[in-house]
Protein backbone atom coordinates (compact mmCIF):
# COMPACT_ATOMS: atom_id res chain seq x y z
CA MET A 1 1.61 38.99 -3.05
CA ASN A 2 4.08 36.55 -1.81
CA GLN A 3 2.07 33.32 -1.65
CA PHE A 4 3.86 30.37 -3.16
CA LEU A 5 2.26 27.41 -4.66
CA ILE A 6 3.79 23.77 -3.36
CA PRO A 7 3.95 21.69 -6.39
CA ALA A 8 1.78 18.44 -6.48
CA ASN A 9 5.20 15.80 -7.08
CA THR A 10 7.05 17.17 -4.54
CA LYS A 11 6.99 13.95 -2.19
CA ARG A 12 8.01 12.16 -5.45
CA SER A 13 11.82 13.16 -5.00
CA SER A 14 11.79 11.49 -2.22
CA LEU A 15 10.84 8.44 -3.44
CA ILE A 16 12.76 5.64 -5.31
CA PHE A 17 11.86 5.99 -8.81
CA GLY A 18 9.02 8.44 -7.87
CA ILE A 19 7.22 5.57 -6.72
CA PHE A 20 8.74 3.64 -4.47
CA MET A 21 9.16 4.19 -0.46
CA PRO A 22 12.05 2.13 0.89
CA ILE A 23 9.81 -0.38 2.09
CA ASP A 24 7.45 -0.20 -0.62
CA LEU A 25 10.80 -1.65 -2.69
CA VAL A 26 11.53 -4.32 -0.10
CA ILE A 27 8.18 -6.00 -0.26
CA PHE A 28 8.08 -5.99 -4.01
CA LEU A 29 11.80 -7.27 -4.03
CA THR A 30 10.76 -9.93 -2.00
CA GLY A 31 7.46 -11.17 -3.48
CA VAL A 32 9.35 -11.22 -6.97
CA ALA A 33 12.23 -13.08 -5.65
CA ILE A 34 10.46 -15.68 -3.84
CA THR A 35 8.11 -16.55 -6.70
CA LEU A 36 11.33 -16.96 -8.80
CA ILE A 37 12.79 -19.23 -6.32
CA ILE A 38 9.40 -21.36 -5.88
CA LEU A 39 9.15 -21.08 -10.12
CA VAL A 40 12.81 -22.67 -9.74
CA ILE A 41 12.04 -25.16 -7.60
CA ILE A 42 9.09 -26.36 -9.29
CA SER A 43 10.42 -26.49 -13.08
CA SER A 44 13.50 -28.45 -11.85
CA ALA A 45 11.30 -30.95 -9.88
CA ASN A 46 9.40 -31.64 -12.84
CA LEU A 47 6.39 -30.76 -10.44
CA ILE A 48 5.08 -28.18 -14.12
CA ASN A 49 1.35 -27.91 -14.22
CA ASN A 50 -1.48 -24.69 -14.22
CA TYR A 51 -1.84 -24.92 -10.56
CA SER A 52 1.83 -25.02 -9.56
CA SER A 53 2.10 -22.66 -11.65
CA ILE A 54 -0.49 -20.37 -10.39
CA LEU A 55 0.62 -21.30 -6.86
CA GLY A 56 4.36 -19.76 -7.67
CA LEU A 57 3.22 -16.75 -8.65
CA ILE A 58 0.91 -15.72 -5.82
CA PRO A 59 3.60 -14.13 -3.45
CA ALA A 60 4.34 -12.18 -6.53
CA LEU A 61 1.09 -10.99 -7.11
CA VAL A 62 0.67 -10.49 -3.42
CA ALA A 63 3.25 -8.04 -3.19
CA VAL A 64 2.34 -6.16 -6.96
CA ALA A 65 -0.88 -5.58 -5.39
CA LEU A 66 0.25 -3.71 -2.11
CA VAL A 67 2.51 -1.64 -3.86
CA PHE A 68 0.30 -0.89 -6.36
CA PRO A 69 -0.51 2.65 -6.83
CA PHE A 70 -4.53 3.92 -5.16
CA PRO A 71 -5.53 7.30 -5.14
CA ASN A 72 -5.66 9.93 -2.11
CA TYR A 73 -3.59 6.99 -0.55
CA HIS A 74 0.90 6.29 -1.53
CA ASN A 75 -0.30 2.57 -2.21
CA VAL A 76 -2.50 -0.46 -1.28
CA ARG A 77 -0.71 -0.84 1.93
CA ILE A 78 -0.85 2.51 3.12
CA ALA A 79 -4.43 2.18 2.69
CA ILE A 80 -5.21 -1.03 4.17
CA GLY A 81 -2.97 0.57 7.25
CA GLU A 82 -5.50 3.46 7.24
CA LEU A 83 -8.40 1.36 7.53
CA ILE A 84 -7.49 -0.96 9.95
CA ASN A 85 -6.37 2.43 12.59
CA PHE A 86 -9.61 3.82 11.74
CA TYR A 87 -11.53 0.16 12.89
CA THR A 88 -9.39 -0.75 15.64
CA ASN A 89 -8.93 2.95 17.12
CA ARG A 90 -11.12 3.30 20.08
CA GLN A 91 -11.98 7.14 19.40
CA LYS A 92 -15.22 9.34 19.13
CA TYR A 93 -15.63 10.62 15.52
CA VAL A 94 -18.56 13.22 15.64
CA TRP A 95 -19.77 15.35 12.74
CA ARG A 96 -19.75 18.94 13.52
CA GLY A 97 -20.93 20.22 10.48
CA TRP A 98 -20.20 23.69 9.09
CA CYS A 99 -20.74 25.32 12.39
CA SER A 100 -18.51 28.27 13.67
CA LYS A 101 -19.05 27.11 17.63
CA TYR A 102 -19.26 24.07 18.56
CA GLU A 103 -20.59 22.40 22.00
CA PHE A 104 -19.46 19.44 22.90
CA LYS A 105 -22.47 17.48 24.87
CA ASP A 106 -21.56 14.36 26.34
CA LYS A 107 -24.76 12.00 26.44
């Protein structure tokens, strides 16, 4: 019996910190950097109120939401990309069931 099992986490070794692909890390760091710049500008201009602080946090929140892990996908960004790919492609998806033989009949 020369059967080998592939561990479930083999892909994690190629990821940064076991979580991020390089583009994910760029998205995350860019969102956090933009948020920090906006918050510094808001605090130095004495425009501090609840609405401006919340608006300043939006880039970081969007970046974190995009790189957040999602079941059966790498993260939310990949899941959104798959949804867009599924709905924008002009393909005909046919359920073949559990048949061992399949004959396509075009209507």
